[in-house]
Amino acid sequence: MLRARLALGARRFHRRAIYPILAGLLPADCLSCGEPLGPIHLLGACPECWSKLRPIRPPLCPRCGVPHPTGTDLLGIAGGLCASCVLNPGRIEAVRAAVEYDRVARSLVLRAKFGGRIEILRHLGEHLARVVSLSRIAESCSLVTAVPSHPWVGLKRGFNPALEIARPVARALGIPLRRGVLTRRFRALVPAKRMTAVARRTALRNAFRCRRLLLGERVLLIDDLLTTGATADSCAAALLRAGAESVRLAVWARTPLRR
């Protein structure tokens, strides 16, 4: 009780006395909206921007994780699966994402990845860990691994964003984190942002390989973003070729999809 009171008093003293001095000497703006930061903020973003993140809430398709329209019959013959998953199940057994990839989410991810802000990625990983735990998507998974960066990008950046997000997820779930399970083939960088979904899927075919046998393993694959799904699908193909029994995917953000 005494420790909590001392901590509360220290925070109040910082907001009222220390922060005004620091803000005057070293002013800082929110990394998302650009407005001046107040005495209360988190990792360089203001509370208003953090609160604007749009969580992806159920009901969801149990396979691809896309939100269902209100009133969907989840007990029907398809077991709640969306039409896309019924017609084309794909390699990944289940997908869960924490938030939609909108303007605010994009600003946080880009600042973390291109600004070297690993602490932001770890916070996003803690957020994703809570979502994964509540969704129970990781039940029966035997290992956690991350989507690897391209060798040139990883060398230049010095870290793998997906791995930094995977660390707190594995720790919170109590599942072993295996680094280096997947590697990306050393080929020319693909300008994915300029490609269509079909072209990106074709370019990433066989782009990843598994460095070890995974006989009977149930893998939870972690990435920061999910857009077309081509990268995750290629990783899943490599894991299944190495003997994995199943692959599930957890990402912090995914692009909004039409319902």
C-alpha atoms as a PDB file:
ATOM      1  CA  MET A   1       0.000   0.000   0.000  1.00  0.00           C
ATOM      2  CA  LEU A   2       2.806   2.415   0.912  1.00  0.00           C
ATOM      3  CA  ARG A   3       4.669   1.615  -2.291  1.00  0.00           C
ATOM      4  CA  ALA A   4       1.549   2.298  -4.376  1.00  0.00           C
ATOM      5  CA  ARG A   5       1.026   5.645  -2.662  1.00  0.00           C
ATOM      6  CA  LEU A   6       4.637   6.632  -3.242  1.00  0.00           C
ATOM      7  CA  ALA A   7       4.386   5.686  -6.903  1.00  0.00           C
ATOM      8  CA  LEU A   8       1.176   7.687  -7.305  1.00  0.00           C
ATOM      9  CA  GLY A   9       2.765  10.691  -5.625  1.00  0.00           C
ATOM     10  CA  ALA A  10       5.817  10.433  -7.875  1.00  0.00           C
ATOM     11  CA  ARG A  11       3.640  10.393 -10.994  1.00  0.00           C
ATOM     12  CA  ARG A  12       1.701  13.442  -9.838  1.00  0.00           C
ATOM     13  CA  PHE A  13       4.925  15.299  -9.060  1.00  0.00           C
ATOM     14  CA  HIS A  14       6.261  14.445 -12.516  1.00  0.00           C
ATOM     15  CA  ARG A  15       3.128  15.713 -14.282  1.00  0.00           C
ATOM     16  CA  ARG A  16       2.878  18.932 -12.301  1.00  0.00           C
ATOM     17  CA  ALA A  17       6.506  19.910 -11.776  1.00  0.00           C
ATOM     18  CA  ILE A  18       8.981  17.951 -13.870  1.00  0.00           C
ATOM     19  CA  TYR A  19       7.057  17.527 -17.133  1.00  0.00           C
ATOM     20  CA  PRO A  20       6.369  21.265 -17.761  1.00  0.00           C
ATOM     21  CA  ILE A  21      10.107  21.926 -17.536  1.00  0.00           C
ATOM     22  CA  LEU A  22      11.001  19.046 -19.841  1.00  0.00           C
ATOM     23  CA  ALA A  23       8.272  19.997 -22.313  1.00  0.00           C
ATOM     24  CA  GLY A  24       9.641  23.513 -22.478  1.00  0.00           C
ATOM     25  CA  LEU A  25      13.221  22.400 -22.992  1.00  0.00           C
ATOM     26  CA  LEU A  26      12.568  19.353 -25.180  1.00  0.00           C
ATOM     27  CA  PRO A  27       9.137  19.700 -26.833  1.00  0.00           C
ATOM     28  CA  ALA A  28       7.758  16.577 -28.513  1.00  0.00           C
ATOM     29  CA  ASP A  29       4.807  15.864 -30.765  1.00  0.00           C
ATOM     30  CA  CYS A  30       2.599  12.813 -30.945  1.00  0.00           C
ATOM     31  CA  LEU A  31       4.054  10.380 -33.487  1.00  0.00           C
ATOM     32  CA  SER A  32       0.580   9.735 -34.896  1.00  0.00           C
ATOM     33  CA  CYS A  33      -1.385  13.000 -35.003  1.00  0.00           C
ATOM     34  CA  GLY A  34       1.527  15.438 -34.674  1.00  0.00           C
ATOM     35  CA  GLU A  35      -0.045  17.411 -31.833  1.00  0.00           C
ATOM     36  CA  PRO A  36       2.140  18.458 -28.857  1.00  0.00           C
ATOM     37  CA  LEU A  37       2.328  15.721 -26.247  1.00  0.00           C
ATOM     38  CA  GLY A  38       0.849  16.367 -22.847  1.00  0.00           C
ATOM     39  CA  PRO A  39       2.066  15.038 -19.508  1.00  0.00           C
ATOM     40  CA  ILE A  40       0.202  11.748 -20.088  1.00  0.00           C
ATOM     41  CA  HIS A  41       1.273   9.731 -23.129  1.00  0.00           C
ATOM     42  CA  LEU A  42       2.512   6.282 -24.036  1.00  0.00           C
ATOM     43  CA  LEU A  43       5.643   5.632 -26.089  1.00  0.00           C
ATOM     44  CA  GLY A  44       5.374   8.947 -27.896  1.00  0.00           C
ATOM     45  CA  ALA A  45       1.676   8.760 -28.808  1.00  0.00           C
ATOM     46  CA  CYS A  46      -1.108  10.664 -27.096  1.00  0.00           C
ATOM     47  CA  PRO A  47      -4.024   8.920 -25.319  1.00  0.00           C
ATOM     48  CA  GLU A  48      -6.445  10.151 -28.001  1.00  0.00           C
ATOM     49  CA  CYS A  49      -4.551   8.322 -30.739  1.00  0.00           C
ATOM     50  CA  TRP A  50      -4.215   5.124 -28.739  1.00  0.00           C
ATOM     51  CA  SER A  51      -7.953   5.208 -28.094  1.00  0.00           C
ATOM     52  CA  LYS A  52      -8.672   5.551 -31.838  1.00  0.00           C
ATOM     53  CA  LEU A  53      -7.272   2.102 -32.598  1.00  0.00           C
ATOM     54  CA  ARG A  54     -10.126  -0.038 -33.879  1.00  0.00           C
ATOM     55  CA  PRO A  55     -10.129  -3.528 -32.337  1.00  0.00           C
ATOM     56  CA  ILE A  56     -11.369  -6.463 -34.390  1.00  0.00           C
ATOM     57  CA  ARG A  57     -14.202  -7.892 -32.323  1.00  0.00           C
ATOM     58  CA  PRO A  58     -16.237 -11.086 -32.683  1.00  0.00           C
ATOM     59  CA  PRO A  59     -18.239 -12.626 -34.166  1.00  0.00           C
ATOM     60  CA  LEU A  60     -15.446 -13.693 -36.502  1.00  0.00           C
ATOM     61  CA  CYS A  61     -14.948 -16.378 -39.081  1.00  0.00           C
ATOM     62  CA  PRO A  62     -13.193 -19.123 -37.066  1.00  0.00           C
ATOM     63  CA  ARG A  63     -10.683 -19.619 -39.882  1.00  0.00           C
ATOM     64  CA  CYS A  64      -9.724 -16.318 -41.512  1.00  0.00           C
ATOM     65  CA  GLY A  65     -10.736 -14.117 -38.566  1.00  0.00           C
ATOM     66  CA  VAL A  66     -12.767 -11.668 -40.656  1.00  0.00           C
ATOM     67  CA  PRO A  67     -15.707 -10.120 -38.751  1.00  0.00           C
ATOM     68  CA  HIS A  68     -19.106 -11.577 -39.557  1.00  0.00           C
ATOM     69  CA  PRO A  69     -22.108  -9.365 -40.274  1.00  0.00           C
ATOM     70  CA  THR A  70     -24.538  -9.031 -37.395  1.00  0.00           C
ATOM     71  CA  GLY A  71     -27.049 -11.853 -37.362  1.00  0.00           C
ATOM     72  CA  THR A  72     -24.813 -14.443 -39.028  1.00  0.00           C
ATOM     73  CA  ASP A  73     -25.820 -18.010 -38.261  1.00  0.00           C
ATOM     74  CA  LEU A  74     -22.700 -19.326 -36.554  1.00  0.00           C
ATOM     75  CA  LEU A  75     -24.319 -22.726 -35.954  1.00  0.00           C
ATOM     76  CA  GLY A  76     -25.213 -23.390 -39.586  1.00  0.00           C
ATOM     77  CA  ILE A  77     -23.881 -26.101 -41.821  1.00  0.00           C
ATOM     78  CA  ALA A  78     -20.619 -24.194 -42.436  1.00  0.00           C
ATOM     79  CA  GLY A  79     -19.913 -23.854 -38.718  1.00  0.00           C
ATOM     80  CA  GLY A  80     -19.609 -20.094 -38.927  1.00  0.00           C
ATOM     81  CA  LEU A  81     -17.072 -20.134 -41.766  1.00  0.00           C
ATOM     82  CA  CYS A  82     -17.303 -17.316 -44.288  1.00  0.00           C
ATOM     83  CA  ALA A  83     -17.976 -18.133 -47.938  1.00  0.00           C
ATOM     84  CA  SER A  84     -14.341 -17.538 -48.902  1.00  0.00           C
ATOM     85  CA  CYS A  85     -13.079 -20.086 -46.370  1.00  0.00           C
ATOM     86  CA  VAL A  86     -15.719 -22.645 -47.389  1.00  0.00           C
ATOM     87  CA  LEU A  87     -14.666 -22.407 -51.040  1.00  0.00           C
ATOM     88  CA  ASN A  88     -10.916 -22.039 -50.438  1.00  0.00           C
ATOM     89  CA  PRO A  89      -9.804 -23.159 -46.942  1.00  0.00           C
ATOM     90  CA  GLY A  90      -6.142 -22.335 -47.521  1.00  0.00           C
ATOM     91  CA  ARG A  91      -3.097 -23.563 -45.622  1.00  0.00           C
ATOM     92  CA  ILE A  92      -3.526 -21.540 -42.419  1.00  0.00           C
ATOM     93  CA  GLU A  93      -5.845 -23.141 -39.902  1.00  0.00           C
ATOM     94  CA  ALA A  94      -6.895 -19.958 -38.113  1.00  0.00           C
ATOM     95  CA  VAL A  95      -6.080 -16.231 -38.114  1.00  0.00           C
ATOM     96  CA  ARG A  96      -6.505 -13.590 -35.435  1.00  0.00           C
ATOM     97  CA  ALA A  97      -5.636  -9.881 -35.520  1.00  0.00           C
ATOM     98  CA  ALA A  98      -5.803  -7.293 -32.768  1.00  0.00           C
ATOM     99  CA  VAL A  99      -6.750  -4.130 -34.692  1.00  0.00           C
ATOM    100  CA  GLU A 100      -7.597  -2.835 -38.135  1.00  0.00           C
ATOM    101  CA  TYR A 101      -4.715  -1.363 -40.101  1.00  0.00           C
ATOM    102  CA  ASP A 102      -5.954   2.218 -40.381  1.00  0.00           C
ATOM    103  CA  ARG A 103      -4.150   5.571 -40.220  1.00  0.00           C
ATOM    104  CA  VAL A 104      -3.354   5.402 -36.499  1.00  0.00           C
ATOM    105  CA  ALA A 105      -2.193   1.782 -36.566  1.00  0.00           C
ATOM    106  CA  ARG A 106      -0.093   2.522 -39.639  1.00  0.00           C
ATOM    107  CA  SER A 107       1.660   5.466 -37.961  1.00  0.00           C
ATOM    108  CA  LEU A 108       2.554   3.351 -34.924  1.00  0.00           C
ATOM    109  CA  VAL A 109       3.892   0.444 -36.972  1.00  0.00           C
ATOM    110  CA  LEU A 110       5.882   2.608 -39.382  1.00  0.00           C
ATOM    111  CA  ARG A 111       7.464   4.659 -36.588  1.00  0.00           C
ATOM    112  CA  ALA A 112       8.423   1.446 -34.809  1.00  0.00           C
ATOM    113  CA  LYS A 113       9.837  -0.270 -37.903  1.00  0.00           C
ATOM    114  CA  PHE A 114      11.594   2.638 -39.586  1.00  0.00           C
ATOM    115  CA  GLY A 115      12.400   4.659 -36.485  1.00  0.00           C
ATOM    116  CA  GLY A 116      14.045   1.857 -34.541  1.00  0.00           C
ATOM    117  CA  ARG A 117      11.402   2.019 -31.805  1.00  0.00           C
ATOM    118  CA  ILE A 118      11.573  -1.586 -30.622  1.00  0.00           C
ATOM    119  CA  GLU A 119       9.756  -0.673 -27.404  1.00  0.00           C
ATOM    120  CA  ILE A 120       6.637   0.131 -29.433  1.00  0.00           C
ATOM    121  CA  LEU A 121       6.756  -3.291 -31.075  1.00  0.00           C
ATOM    122  CA  ARG A 122       7.019  -4.980 -27.694  1.00  0.00           C
ATOM    123  CA  HIS A 123       3.988  -3.058 -26.476  1.00  0.00           C
ATOM    124  CA  LEU A 124       2.080  -4.158 -29.585  1.00  0.00           C
ATOM    125  CA  GLY A 125       3.163  -7.706 -28.809  1.00  0.00           C
ATOM    126  CA  GLU A 126       1.723  -7.457 -25.300  1.00  0.00           C
ATOM    127  CA  HIS A 127      -1.529  -6.225 -26.811  1.00  0.00           C
ATOM    128  CA  LEU A 128      -1.579  -9.078 -29.309  1.00  0.00           C
ATOM    129  CA  ALA A 129      -0.825 -11.586 -26.541  1.00  0.00           C
ATOM    130  CA  ARG A 130      -4.038 -10.604 -24.739  1.00  0.00           C
ATOM    131  CA  VAL A 131      -6.051 -10.970 -27.945  1.00  0.00           C
ATOM    132  CA  VAL A 132      -4.540 -14.369 -28.707  1.00  0.00           C
ATOM    133  CA  SER A 133      -5.146 -15.571 -25.169  1.00  0.00           C
ATOM    134  CA  LEU A 134      -8.798 -14.519 -25.199  1.00  0.00           C
ATOM    135  CA  SER A 135      -9.387 -15.994 -28.655  1.00  0.00           C
ATOM    136  CA  ARG A 136      -7.815 -19.324 -27.605  1.00  0.00           C
ATOM    137  CA  ILE A 137      -6.274 -19.589 -31.058  1.00  0.00           C
ATOM    138  CA  ALA A 138      -2.999 -20.800 -29.551  1.00  0.00           C
ATOM    139  CA  GLU A 139      -4.493 -23.746 -27.692  1.00  0.00           C
ATOM    140  CA  SER A 140      -2.505 -26.903 -28.446  1.00  0.00           C
ATOM    141  CA  CYS A 141       0.239 -24.914 -30.239  1.00  0.00           C
ATOM    142  CA  SER A 142       3.674 -26.297 -29.448  1.00  0.00           C
ATOM    143  CA  LEU A 143       5.894 -23.473 -30.682  1.00  0.00           C
ATOM    144  CA  VAL A 144       5.838 -19.806 -31.671  1.00  0.00           C
ATOM    145  CA  THR A 145       7.880 -18.420 -34.542  1.00  0.00           C
ATOM    146  CA  ALA A 146       7.988 -15.156 -36.476  1.00  0.00           C
ATOM    147  CA  VAL A 147       7.851 -14.246 -40.145  1.00  0.00           C
ATOM    148  CA  PRO A 148      11.460 -13.415 -41.086  1.00  0.00           C
ATOM    149  CA  SER A 149      12.557 -10.148 -42.623  1.00  0.00           C
ATOM    150  CA  HIS A 150      14.382 -10.085 -45.940  1.00  0.00           C
ATOM    151  CA  PRO A 151      18.137 -10.509 -45.280  1.00  0.00           C
ATOM    152  CA  TRP A 152      19.001  -7.061 -46.663  1.00  0.00           C
ATOM    153  CA  VAL A 153      16.224  -5.358 -44.687  1.00  0.00           C
ATOM    154  CA  GLY A 154      17.117  -7.170 -41.491  1.00  0.00           C
ATOM    155  CA  LEU A 155      20.771  -6.248 -41.856  1.00  0.00           C
ATOM    156  CA  LYS A 156      19.949  -2.593 -42.454  1.00  0.00           C
ATOM    157  CA  ARG A 157      17.311  -2.326 -39.729  1.00  0.00           C
ATOM    158  CA  GLY A 158      19.092  -4.424 -37.131  1.00  0.00           C
ATOM    159  CA  PHE A 159      15.978  -6.224 -35.885  1.00  0.00           C
ATOM    160  CA  ASN A 160      12.982  -8.191 -37.087  1.00  0.00           C
ATOM    161  CA  PRO A 161       9.672  -6.440 -36.216  1.00  0.00           C
ATOM    162  CA  ALA A 162       7.699  -9.691 -36.235  1.00  0.00           C
ATOM    163  CA  LEU A 163      10.170 -11.297 -33.842  1.00  0.00           C
ATOM    164  CA  GLU A 164       9.966  -8.374 -31.416  1.00  0.00           C
ATOM    165  CA  ILE A 165       6.170  -8.750 -31.374  1.00  0.00           C
ATOM    166  CA  ALA A 166       6.460 -12.527 -30.983  1.00  0.00           C
ATOM    167  CA  ARG A 167       8.619 -12.312 -27.844  1.00  0.00           C
ATOM    168  CA  PRO A 168       5.900 -11.040 -25.459  1.00  0.00           C
ATOM    169  CA  VAL A 169       3.303 -13.269 -27.133  1.00  0.00           C
ATOM    170  CA  ALA A 170       5.325 -16.432 -26.485  1.00  0.00           C
ATOM    171  CA  ARG A 171       6.192 -15.303 -22.968  1.00  0.00           C
ATOM    172  CA  ALA A 172       2.555 -14.556 -22.060  1.00  0.00           C
ATOM    173  CA  LEU A 173       1.309 -17.856 -23.499  1.00  0.00           C
ATOM    174  CA  GLY A 174       4.106 -19.950 -22.030  1.00  0.00           C
ATOM    175  CA  ILE A 175       4.907 -21.451 -25.448  1.00  0.00           C
ATOM    176  CA  PRO A 176       8.540 -21.796 -26.597  1.00  0.00           C
ATOM    177  CA  LEU A 177       9.711 -19.174 -29.072  1.00  0.00           C
ATOM    178  CA  ARG A 178      11.841 -20.646 -31.837  1.00  0.00           C
ATOM    179  CA  ARG A 179      14.003 -18.147 -33.696  1.00  0.00           C
ATOM    180  CA  GLY A 180      15.313 -18.802 -37.155  1.00  0.00           C
ATOM    181  CA  VAL A 181      12.858 -21.560 -38.013  1.00  0.00           C
ATOM    182  CA  LEU A 182      12.034 -19.761 -41.252  1.00  0.00           C
ATOM    183  CA  THR A 183      14.432 -17.948 -43.543  1.00  0.00           C
ATOM    184  CA  ARG A 184      13.694 -15.839 -46.572  1.00  0.00           C
ATOM    185  CA  ARG A 185      15.502 -16.748 -49.738  1.00  0.00           C
ATOM    186  CA  PHE A 186      18.205 -14.295 -50.753  1.00  0.00           C
ATOM    187  CA  ARG A 187      16.631 -12.859 -53.853  1.00  0.00           C
ATOM    188  CA  ALA A 188      15.931  -9.343 -55.080  1.00  0.00           C
ATOM    189  CA  LEU A 189      13.565  -7.328 -52.925  1.00  0.00           C
ATOM    190  CA  VAL A 190       9.986  -7.388 -54.168  1.00  0.00           C
ATOM    191  CA  PRO A 191       8.323  -3.918 -54.302  1.00  0.00           C
ATOM    192  CA  ALA A 192       5.165  -5.386 -52.764  1.00  0.00           C
ATOM    193  CA  LYS A 193       3.366  -2.078 -52.323  1.00  0.00           C
ATOM    194  CA  ARG A 194       3.296  -1.587 -56.084  1.00  0.00           C
ATOM    195  CA  MET A 195       2.014  -5.077 -56.868  1.00  0.00           C
ATOM    196  CA  THR A 196      -1.460  -6.528 -57.087  1.00  0.00           C
ATOM    197  CA  ALA A 197      -2.467  -9.311 -54.709  1.00  0.00           C
ATOM    198  CA  VAL A 198      -2.106 -11.926 -57.454  1.00  0.00           C
ATOM    199  CA  ALA A 199       1.316 -10.641 -58.512  1.00  0.00           C
ATOM    200  CA  ARG A 200       2.503 -10.512 -54.929  1.00  0.00           C
ATOM    201  CA  ARG A 201       1.374 -14.079 -54.289  1.00  0.00           C
ATOM    202  CA  THR A 202       3.215 -15.238 -57.402  1.00  0.00           C
ATOM    203  CA  ALA A 203       6.397 -13.355 -56.454  1.00  0.00           C
ATOM    204  CA  LEU A 204       6.408 -14.784 -52.919  1.00  0.00           C
ATOM    205  CA  ARG A 205       5.793 -18.372 -53.960  1.00  0.00           C
ATOM    206  CA  ASN A 206       8.571 -20.509 -52.459  1.00  0.00           C
ATOM    207  CA  ALA A 207      10.200 -17.353 -51.042  1.00  0.00           C
ATOM    208  CA  PHE A 208      10.636 -18.983 -47.615  1.00  0.00           C
ATOM    209  CA  ARG A 209      12.242 -22.181 -46.456  1.00  0.00           C
ATOM    210  CA  CYS A 210      12.272 -24.025 -43.158  1.00  0.00           C
ATOM    211  CA  ARG A 211      15.641 -24.747 -41.586  1.00  0.00           C
ATOM    212  CA  ARG A 212      14.544 -27.697 -39.440  1.00  0.00           C
ATOM    213  CA  LEU A 213      12.113 -30.558 -39.355  1.00  0.00           C
ATOM    214  CA  LEU A 214       8.850 -29.818 -37.538  1.00  0.00           C
ATOM    215  CA  LEU A 215       7.285 -33.267 -37.457  1.00  0.00           C
ATOM    216  CA  GLY A 216       3.959 -33.047 -35.620  1.00  0.00           C
ATOM    217  CA  GLU A 217       4.512 -29.460 -34.455  1.00  0.00           C
ATOM    218  CA  ARG A 218       1.544 -27.089 -34.203  1.00  0.00           C
ATOM    219  CA  VAL A 219       2.934 -23.668 -35.061  1.00  0.00           C
ATOM    220  CA  LEU A 220       1.708 -20.214 -34.067  1.00  0.00           C
ATOM    221  CA  LEU A 221       3.129 -17.839 -36.687  1.00  0.00           C
ATOM    222  CA  ILE A 222       3.495 -14.157 -35.729  1.00  0.00           C
ATOM    223  CA  ASP A 223       3.704 -11.097 -37.969  1.00  0.00           C
ATOM    224  CA  ASP A 224       3.104  -7.389 -37.542  1.00  0.00           C
ATOM    225  CA  LEU A 225       0.720  -6.890 -40.479  1.00  0.00           C
ATOM    226  CA  LEU A 226      -1.606  -8.877 -42.696  1.00  0.00           C
ATOM    227  CA  THR A 227      -2.512  -7.351 -46.044  1.00  0.00           C
ATOM    228  CA  THR A 228      -3.016  -9.742 -48.968  1.00  0.00           C
ATOM    229  CA  GLY A 229      -1.943 -12.792 -46.962  1.00  0.00           C
ATOM    230  CA  ALA A 230       0.658 -13.809 -49.549  1.00  0.00           C
ATOM    231  CA  THR A 231       3.589 -13.670 -47.118  1.00  0.00           C
ATOM    232  CA  ALA A 232       1.816 -15.678 -44.424  1.00  0.00           C
ATOM    233  CA  ASP A 233       0.624 -18.254 -46.954  1.00  0.00           C
ATOM    234  CA  SER A 234       4.147 -18.745 -48.294  1.00  0.00           C
ATOM    235  CA  CYS A 235       5.488 -19.158 -44.744  1.00  0.00           C
ATOM    236  CA  ALA A 236       2.743 -21.656 -43.938  1.00  0.00           C
ATOM    237  CA  ALA A 237       3.616 -23.667 -47.051  1.00  0.00           C
ATOM    238  CA  ALA A 238       7.245 -23.902 -45.938  1.00  0.00           C
ATOM    239  CA  LEU A 239       6.271 -24.940 -42.400  1.00  0.00           C
ATOM    240  CA  LEU A 240       3.904 -27.630 -43.651  1.00  0.00           C
ATOM    241  CA  ARG A 241       6.533 -28.960 -46.050  1.00  0.00           C
ATOM    242  CA  ALA A 242       8.846 -29.323 -43.036  1.00  0.00           C
ATOM    243  CA  GLY A 243       6.310 -31.576 -41.340  1.00  0.00           C
ATOM    244  CA  ALA A 244       4.257 -29.166 -39.209  1.00  0.00           C
ATOM    245  CA  GLU A 245       0.845 -30.542 -38.352  1.00  0.00           C
ATOM    246  CA  SER A 246      -0.887 -27.162 -38.497  1.00  0.00           C
ATOM    247  CA  VAL A 247      -0.149 -23.434 -38.784  1.00  0.00           C
ATOM    248  CA  ARG A 248      -2.087 -20.651 -37.114  1.00  0.00           C
ATOM    249  CA  LEU A 249      -1.431 -16.962 -37.632  1.00  0.00           C
ATOM    250  CA  ALA A 250      -1.601 -14.024 -35.217  1.00  0.00           C
ATOM    251  CA  VAL A 251      -0.925 -10.453 -36.372  1.00  0.00           C
ATOM    252  CA  TRP A 252      -1.229  -7.139 -34.619  1.00  0.00           C
ATOM    253  CA  ALA A 253      -3.024  -5.374 -37.480  1.00  0.00           C
ATOM    254  CA  ARG A 254      -4.755  -6.366 -40.698  1.00  0.00           C
ATOM    255  CA  THR A 255      -6.160  -4.349 -43.535  1.00  0.00           C
ATOM    256  CA  PRO A 256      -9.938  -3.898 -43.307  1.00  0.00           C
ATOM    257  CA  LEU A 257     -11.759  -6.398 -45.486  1.00  0.00           C
ATOM    258  CA  ARG A 258     -15.164  -6.094 -47.062  1.00  0.00           C
ATOM    259  CA  ARG A 259     -17.741  -8.109 -45.197  1.00  0.00           C
END
